[in-house]
Every structure is written in structure tokens, then in C-alpha cells.
C-alpha atoms as a PDB file:
ATOM      1  CA  MET A   1     -28.205  -9.409 -26.330  1.00  0.00           C
ATOM      2  CA  VAL A   2     -24.993 -10.481 -24.600  1.00  0.00           C
ATOM      3  CA  VAL A   3     -21.916  -9.548 -26.627  1.00  0.00           C
ATOM      4  CA  LYS A   4     -19.152 -12.146 -26.600  1.00  0.00           C
ATOM      5  CA  HIS A   5     -15.621 -11.993 -27.894  1.00  0.00           C
ATOM      6  CA  CYS A   6     -12.995 -14.255 -29.394  1.00  0.00           C
ATOM      7  CA  PRO A   7     -10.466 -15.450 -26.755  1.00  0.00           C
ATOM      8  CA  LYS A   8      -7.621 -15.123 -29.275  1.00  0.00           C
ATOM      9  CA  CYS A   9      -8.077 -11.726 -30.974  1.00  0.00           C
ATOM     10  CA  GLY A  10     -10.872 -10.129 -28.911  1.00  0.00           C
ATOM     11  CA  ASN A  11     -13.209  -9.705 -31.906  1.00  0.00           C
ATOM     12  CA  ASP A  12     -16.854  -9.144 -30.885  1.00  0.00           C
ATOM     13  CA  ILE A  13     -19.070 -12.150 -31.674  1.00  0.00           C
ATOM     14  CA  ASP A  14     -22.811 -11.463 -31.928  1.00  0.00           C
ATOM     15  CA  ASP A  15     -23.884 -14.940 -33.036  1.00  0.00           C
ATOM     16  CA  GLU A  16     -23.668 -17.478 -30.203  1.00  0.00           C
ATOM     17  CA  ASP A  17     -23.806 -20.453 -32.614  1.00  0.00           C
ATOM     18  CA  ILE A  18     -20.847 -19.410 -34.799  1.00  0.00           C
ATOM     19  CA  GLU A  19     -17.932 -21.893 -34.695  1.00  0.00           C
ATOM     20  CA  PHE A  20     -15.088 -19.782 -36.061  1.00  0.00           C
ATOM     21  CA  CYS A  21     -14.073 -16.185 -35.445  1.00  0.00           C
ATOM     22  CA  THR A  22     -14.821 -14.020 -38.472  1.00  0.00           C
ATOM     23  CA  GLU A  23     -11.697 -11.928 -37.800  1.00  0.00           C
ATOM     24  CA  CYS A  24      -8.900 -14.444 -37.162  1.00  0.00           C
ATOM     25  CA  GLY A  25     -10.529 -17.817 -37.947  1.00  0.00           C
ATOM     26  CA  HIS A  26      -9.920 -19.184 -34.439  1.00  0.00           C
ATOM     27  CA  LYS A  27     -12.149 -22.170 -33.570  1.00  0.00           C
ATOM     28  CA  LEU A  28     -14.527 -20.924 -30.904  1.00  0.00           C
ATOM     29  CA  SER A  29     -16.508 -24.021 -29.834  1.00  0.00           C
ATOM     30  CA  ASN A  30     -17.109 -23.589 -26.101  1.00  0.00           C
ATOM     31  CA  LYS A  31     -14.296 -21.085 -25.587  1.00  0.00           C
ATOM     32  CA  ILE A  32     -16.385 -18.002 -26.295  1.00  0.00           C
ATOM     33  CA  ILE A  33     -16.185 -15.782 -23.256  1.00  0.00           C
ATOM     34  CA  LYS A  34     -18.618 -13.151 -22.073  1.00  0.00           C
ATOM     35  CA  ASN A  35     -17.233  -9.654 -22.510  1.00  0.00           C
ATOM     36  CA  SER A  36     -17.403  -8.234 -19.006  1.00  0.00           C
ATOM     37  CA  SER A  37     -15.835  -5.150 -17.534  1.00  0.00           C
ATOM     38  CA  LYS A  38     -12.693  -6.030 -15.623  1.00  0.00           C
ATOM     39  CA  GLY A  39     -12.032  -4.978 -12.075  1.00  0.00           C
ATOM     40  CA  PHE A  40      -9.387  -2.524 -10.946  1.00  0.00           C
ATOM     41  CA  PHE A  41      -6.972  -5.194  -9.713  1.00  0.00           C
ATOM     42  CA  ASP A  42      -7.421  -7.259 -12.897  1.00  0.00           C
ATOM     43  CA  ASN A  43      -6.292  -4.220 -14.887  1.00  0.00           C
ATOM     44  CA  LEU A  44      -3.306  -3.796 -12.573  1.00  0.00           C
ATOM     45  CA  ASN A  45      -2.251  -7.403 -13.133  1.00  0.00           C
ATOM     46  CA  GLU A  46      -2.648  -7.189 -16.913  1.00  0.00           C
ATOM     47  CA  LYS A  47      -1.137  -3.764 -17.542  1.00  0.00           C
ATOM     48  CA  THR A  48       1.754  -3.544 -15.108  1.00  0.00           C
ATOM     49  CA  SER A  49       5.134  -5.219 -15.042  1.00  0.00           C
ATOM     50  CA  PHE A  50       6.887  -6.160 -11.804  1.00  0.00           C
ATOM     51  CA  SER A  51      10.301  -5.782 -13.456  1.00  0.00           C
ATOM     52  CA  VAL A  52       9.468  -2.229 -14.632  1.00  0.00           C
ATOM     53  CA  ILE A  53       8.491  -1.234 -11.068  1.00  0.00           C
ATOM     54  CA  ILE A  54      11.693  -2.790  -9.665  1.00  0.00           C
ATOM     55  CA  PHE A  55      13.885  -0.938 -12.173  1.00  0.00           C
ATOM     56  CA  SER A  56      11.957   2.288 -11.525  1.00  0.00           C
ATOM     57  CA  PHE A  57      13.159   2.115  -7.925  1.00  0.00           C
ATOM     58  CA  ILE A  58      16.729   1.659  -9.131  1.00  0.00           C
ATOM     59  CA  ILE A  59      16.251   4.867 -11.163  1.00  0.00           C
ATOM     60  CA  PHE A  60      14.653   6.415  -8.062  1.00  0.00           C
ATOM     61  CA  GLY A  61      17.754   5.515  -6.027  1.00  0.00           C
ATOM     62  CA  VAL A  62      20.157   6.903  -8.639  1.00  0.00           C
ATOM     63  CA  PHE A  63      18.335  10.234  -8.769  1.00  0.00           C
ATOM     64  CA  LEU A  64      18.130  10.235  -4.979  1.00  0.00           C
ATOM     65  CA  PHE A  65      21.923  10.536  -4.929  1.00  0.00           C
ATOM     66  CA  ILE A  66      21.956  13.059  -7.797  1.00  0.00           C
ATOM     67  CA  GLY A  67      19.229  15.122  -6.107  1.00  0.00           C
ATOM     68  CA  SER A  68      21.117  15.033  -2.817  1.00  0.00           C
ATOM     69  CA  VAL A  69      24.182  16.546  -4.495  1.00  0.00           C
ATOM     70  CA  VAL A  70      22.173  19.166  -6.414  1.00  0.00           C
ATOM     71  CA  TRP A  71      19.933  20.372  -3.587  1.00  0.00           C
ATOM     72  CA  SER A  72      22.575  20.150  -0.839  1.00  0.00           C
ATOM     73  CA  SER A  73      24.385  23.078  -2.490  1.00  0.00           C
ATOM     74  CA  PHE A  74      21.231  25.179  -2.027  1.00  0.00           C
ATOM     75  CA  MET A  75      20.996  24.120   1.618  1.00  0.00           C
ATOM     76  CA  ALA A  76      24.692  24.880   2.160  1.00  0.00           C
ATOM     77  CA  ASN A  77      24.289  28.530   1.117  1.00  0.00           C
ATOM     78  CA  GLY A  78      21.142  28.912   3.234  1.00  0.00           C
ATOM     79  CA  SER A  79      18.617  29.110   0.361  1.00  0.00           C
ATOM     80  CA  ILE A  80      16.544  26.212   1.732  1.00  0.00           C
ATOM     81  CA  ASP A  81      16.160  24.506   5.092  1.00  0.00           C
ATOM     82  CA  LEU A  82      16.502  20.794   5.902  1.00  0.00           C
ATOM     83  CA  VAL A  83      12.808  19.915   5.496  1.00  0.00           C
ATOM     84  CA  THR A  84      12.615  21.665   2.101  1.00  0.00           C
ATOM     85  CA  TYR A  85      15.831  19.908   1.065  1.00  0.00           C
ATOM     86  CA  LEU A  86      14.368  16.472   1.891  1.00  0.00           C
ATOM     87  CA  LEU A  87      11.113  17.309   0.098  1.00  0.00           C
ATOM     88  CA  LEU A  88      12.904  18.454  -3.066  1.00  0.00           C
ATOM     89  CA  VAL A  89      15.244  15.439  -3.167  1.00  0.00           C
ATOM     90  CA  ILE A  90      12.398  12.925  -2.869  1.00  0.00           C
ATOM     91  CA  VAL A  91      10.113  14.726  -5.343  1.00  0.00           C
ATOM     92  CA  PHE A  92      13.058  14.974  -7.796  1.00  0.00           C
ATOM     93  CA  SER A  93      13.661  11.224  -7.528  1.00  0.00           C
ATOM     94  CA  VAL A  94       9.967  10.283  -7.749  1.00  0.00           C
ATOM     95  CA  PHE A  95       9.624  12.322 -10.952  1.00  0.00           C
ATOM     96  CA  PHE A  96      12.434  10.553 -12.822  1.00  0.00           C
ATOM     97  CA  GLY A  97      11.341   7.129 -11.567  1.00  0.00           C
ATOM     98  CA  GLY A  98       7.863   7.937 -12.913  1.00  0.00           C
ATOM     99  CA  ILE A  99       9.314   8.841 -16.331  1.00  0.00           C
ATOM    100  CA  PHE A 100      10.936   5.391 -16.466  1.00  0.00           C
ATOM    101  CA  VAL A 101       7.608   3.702 -15.592  1.00  0.00           C
ATOM    102  CA  GLY A 102       5.740   5.702 -18.232  1.00  0.00           C
ATOM    103  CA  TYR A 103       8.326   5.077 -20.934  1.00  0.00           C
ATOM    104  CA  PHE A 104       8.856   1.346 -20.432  1.00  0.00           C
ATOM    105  CA  GLY A 105       5.582   0.300 -18.802  1.00  0.00           C
ATOM    106  CA  CYS A 106       2.852   2.060 -20.819  1.00  0.00           C
ATOM    107  CA  MET A 107       1.889   0.620 -24.206  1.00  0.00           C
ATOM    108  CA  ASP A 108      -1.037   3.025 -24.656  1.00  0.00           C
ATOM    109  CA  GLU A 109      -3.038   5.507 -22.536  1.00  0.00           C
ATOM    110  CA  SER A 110      -4.995   2.728 -20.797  1.00  0.00           C
ATOM    111  CA  TYR A 111      -1.713   1.627 -19.147  1.00  0.00           C
ATOM    112  CA  ILE A 112      -1.027   4.995 -17.496  1.00  0.00           C
ATOM    113  CA  ILE A 113      -3.428   4.755 -14.525  1.00  0.00           C
ATOM    114  CA  PRO A 114      -2.574   1.108 -13.597  1.00  0.00           C
ATOM    115  CA  ASN A 115       1.182   1.788 -13.772  1.00  0.00           C
ATOM    116  CA  PHE A 116       0.821   5.067 -11.897  1.00  0.00           C
ATOM    117  CA  SER A 117      -1.242   3.306  -9.197  1.00  0.00           C
ATOM    118  CA  ILE A 118       1.316   0.535  -8.682  1.00  0.00           C
ATOM    119  CA  TYR A 119       4.220   2.994  -8.718  1.00  0.00           C
ATOM    120  CA  LEU A 120       2.548   5.357  -6.238  1.00  0.00           C
ATOM    121  CA  GLY A 121       1.519   2.478  -3.980  1.00  0.00           C
ATOM    122  CA  SER A 122       5.084   1.165  -4.003  1.00  0.00           C
ATOM    123  CA  ILE A 123       6.475   4.589  -3.091  1.00  0.00           C
ATOM    124  CA  PHE A 124       4.094   5.028  -0.168  1.00  0.00           C
ATOM    125  CA  SER A 125       4.782   1.459   0.990  1.00  0.00           C
ATOM    126  CA  VAL A 126       8.523   2.120   1.067  1.00  0.00           C
ATOM    127  CA  VAL A 127       8.050   5.490   2.831  1.00  0.00           C
ATOM    128  CA  LEU A 128       5.657   4.050   5.424  1.00  0.00           C
ATOM    129  CA  CYS A 129       7.928   1.064   6.076  1.00  0.00           C
ATOM    130  CA  GLY A 130      10.895   3.420   6.515  1.00  0.00           C
ATOM    131  CA  ILE A 131       8.971   5.671   8.897  1.00  0.00           C
ATOM    132  CA  GLY A 132       7.691   2.612  10.767  1.00  0.00           C
ATOM    133  CA  LEU A 133      11.205   1.221  11.214  1.00  0.00           C
ATOM    134  CA  ILE A 134      12.566   4.568  12.427  1.00  0.00           C
ATOM    135  CA  PHE A 135       9.629   5.001  14.807  1.00  0.00           C
ATOM    136  CA  THR A 136      10.062   1.446  16.156  1.00  0.00           C
ATOM    137  CA  PHE A 137      13.785   2.015  16.699  1.00  0.00           C
ATOM    138  CA  LEU A 138      13.253   5.360  18.480  1.00  0.00           C
ATOM    139  CA  MET A 139      10.521   3.925  20.714  1.00  0.00           C
ATOM    140  CA  GLY A 140      12.849   1.075  21.656  1.00  0.00           C
ATOM    141  CA  VAL A 141      15.651   3.521  22.538  1.00  0.00           C
ATOM    142  CA  ILE A 142      13.255   5.701  24.573  1.00  0.00           C
ATOM    143  CA  SER A 143      11.965   2.629  26.424  1.00  0.00           C
ATOM    144  CA  ILE A 144      15.512   1.515  27.286  1.00  0.00           C
ATOM    145  CA  LEU A 145      16.502   5.009  28.485  1.00  0.00           C
ATOM    146  CA  SER A 146      13.357   5.364  30.584  1.00  0.00           C
ATOM    147  CA  SER A 147      13.964   1.989  32.236  1.00  0.00           C
ATOM    148  CA  ILE A 148      17.568   2.956  33.110  1.00  0.00           C
ATOM    149  CA  ALA A 149      16.779   6.426  34.522  1.00  0.00           C
ATOM    150  CA  PRO A 150      15.081   6.753  37.936  1.00  0.00           C
ATOM    151  CA  PHE A 151      11.300   7.123  37.778  1.00  0.00           C
ATOM    152  CA  GLY A 152      11.204  10.660  39.147  1.00  0.00           C
ATOM    153  CA  SER A 153      13.943  11.987  36.913  1.00  0.00           C
ATOM    154  CA  SER A 154      12.584  10.164  33.861  1.00  0.00           C
ATOM    155  CA  ASN A 155       9.189  11.699  34.516  1.00  0.00           C
ATOM    156  CA  SER A 156      10.673  15.184  34.687  1.00  0.00           C
ATOM    157  CA  ILE A 157      12.788  14.496  31.607  1.00  0.00           C
ATOM    158  CA  SER A 158       9.745  13.308  29.673  1.00  0.00           C
ATOM    159  CA  GLN A 159       7.775  16.393  30.726  1.00  0.00           C
ATOM    160  CA  THR A 160      10.643  18.673  29.667  1.00  0.00           C
ATOM    161  CA  SER A 161      11.107  16.876  26.345  1.00  0.00           C
ATOM    162  CA  THR A 162       7.366  16.940  25.684  1.00  0.00           C
ATOM    163  CA  SER A 163       7.114  20.673  26.298  1.00  0.00           C
ATOM    164  CA  SER A 164      10.209  21.413  24.202  1.00  0.00           C
ATOM    165  CA  TYR A 165       8.866  19.195  21.413  1.00  0.00           C
ATOM    166  CA  ALA A 166       5.530  21.002  21.466  1.00  0.00           C
ATOM    167  CA  GLN A 167       7.331  24.345  21.211  1.00  0.00           C
ATOM    168  CA  SER A 168       9.500  23.146  18.310  1.00  0.00           C
ATOM    169  CA  VAL A 169       6.523  22.157  16.128  1.00  0.00           C
ATOM    170  CA  ASP A 170       5.593  25.141  13.992  1.00  0.00           C
ATOM    171  CA  LEU A 171       3.064  25.684  11.248  1.00  0.00           C
ATOM    172  CA  SER A 172       5.645  25.817   8.461  1.00  0.00           C
ATOM    173  CA  PHE A 173       6.695  22.222   9.181  1.00  0.00           C
ATOM    174  CA  ILE A 174       3.077  21.028   9.123  1.00  0.00           C
ATOM    175  CA  PHE A 175       2.479  22.912   5.864  1.00  0.00           C
ATOM    176  CA  LYS A 176       5.560  21.341   4.261  1.00  0.00           C
ATOM    177  CA  LEU A 177       4.489  17.886   5.438  1.00  0.00           C
ATOM    178  CA  ILE A 178       1.032  18.316   3.872  1.00  0.00           C
ATOM    179  CA  LEU A 179       2.637  19.700   0.708  1.00  0.00           C
ATOM    180  CA  PHE A 180       4.941  16.681   0.598  1.00  0.00           C
ATOM    181  CA  ILE A 181       2.014  14.243   0.900  1.00  0.00           C
ATOM    182  CA  LEU A 182       0.120  16.036  -1.882  1.00  0.00           C
ATOM    183  CA  LEU A 183       3.116  16.490  -4.193  1.00  0.00           C
ATOM    184  CA  ILE A 184       4.123  12.827  -4.317  1.00  0.00           C
ATOM    185  CA  PRO A 185       1.018  11.588  -6.227  1.00  0.00           C
ATOM    186  CA  VAL A 186       0.952  14.680  -8.478  1.00  0.00           C
ATOM    187  CA  ILE A 187       4.636  14.413  -9.421  1.00  0.00           C
ATOM    188  CA  SER A 188       4.325  10.636  -9.843  1.00  0.00           C
ATOM    189  CA  TYR A 189       1.486  11.030 -12.330  1.00  0.00           C
ATOM    190  CA  ILE A 190       3.263  13.825 -14.233  1.00  0.00           C
ATOM    191  CA  GLY A 191       6.384  11.645 -14.455  1.00  0.00           C
ATOM    192  CA  VAL A 192       4.500   8.563 -15.698  1.00  0.00           C
ATOM    193  CA  TYR A 193       2.505  10.584 -18.229  1.00  0.00           C
ATOM    194  CA  LEU A 194       5.622  12.403 -19.464  1.00  0.00           C
ATOM    195  CA  GLY A 195       7.407   9.067 -19.900  1.00  0.00           C
ATOM    196  CA  TYR A 196       4.503   7.763 -22.006  1.00  0.00           C
ATOM    197  CA  PHE A 197       4.410  11.026 -23.984  1.00  0.00           C
ATOM    198  CA  LEU A 198       8.147  10.795 -24.739  1.00  0.00           C
ATOM    199  CA  LYS A 199       7.755   7.170 -25.824  1.00  0.00           C
ATOM    200  CA  LYS A 200       5.021   8.037 -28.305  1.00  0.00           C
ATOM    201  CA  ASN A 201       6.532  11.241 -29.669  1.00  0.00           C
ATOM    202  CA  ILE A 202      10.296  10.701 -29.772  1.00  0.00           C
END
């Protein structure tokens, strides 16, 4: 038997011929809807708020500045290098932005995954757009410089720069890059869940 539900209160209706909801008294007539499982994007639309995501990035930006001040002192005394500094600042900011999303965007546990998904997707979109813009700018500068320099000298310059670049890439940088990619979703989820936990328990 197909289970239907009231469009007003969501009460399950077993009898297809019933005219009024037994829970809230709403007139059903032809408005009874089949209770079907909703898709992933339907859940995102229903359980996320655009304004919460926007404000989470404001919080992200605020803690980006705070994190820069905090972690730059560690870099200044030689405790961490530049790559580690950047990783810590971004993870620090992502965490507090996630707390905001969890606190203001999650009504119950079913809201955590949709809000986390939108928040994480937004973060990666911003990061990829930033990297894309930097890459586009650098490629444009390289193209201009290569067109100005003579062909022979530009070829030798490119070979020299390529070899020096290959020598500068070490395993620690690759490891930190992979760690960065893995940490962002983990820290995002912890932040969102912690925000929801604080909302329910404080």
C-alpha cells in the first residue's frame, strides 16, 4: 500500500478516501501527496540557508585575519614554515566558519550533512576560483615575457626555470598539499557538528 501524507503537517494517511487529516484537520481533497524519498539536492534546498552560508564566509574572513596574526608569530620565530603557516590559517578559519553554520543553520541532525555539503562546496569553489585567477594571471605574465625575450634566450630561460622548479619541488610540500586537501573537509564537518552541538547543549 502506498503511504501518503498531509501537505500541511506531514501526518501519514493510510486511507486514500479520507477528506480531512486526522492530525491537524486540514482538508485533503486532491492535495494528498505521495510520500517519496527526496533527492540530495532537494534536501540541500530545503535544509540550507543562503544567508547563513554568506555570513559564514564573513566569519571565515574575520578568523582569517585573526589566524594570520596568531600563526605569523610562530613563523617569525622559525617554528613553522610558510606552507604550514598558510595551512594552519585556512584550517583555523574554516573551523570557526563551520561552527557558525552548525549553530545557525542546523535545526536538527538531519540538517548537518546538507549544511556541511554546501559549506564545503563553497569553500572549494572559492579556493579553486582563487587558484584559477592566480594561474591565469601568471600564465599571462609568462606569455608576455616570452614574447618580449628573443626566442633562443627565452628557450634557455624556460629550460633553466623548469629544471630549477623541478629541483625545488620536494616531498614535504606534496605531503602538506595532500594533508591540506584532506583536512579541509574533516575540519569543516567538525566545525559544523560542534556548532550544532553547542546550539543544542548551551
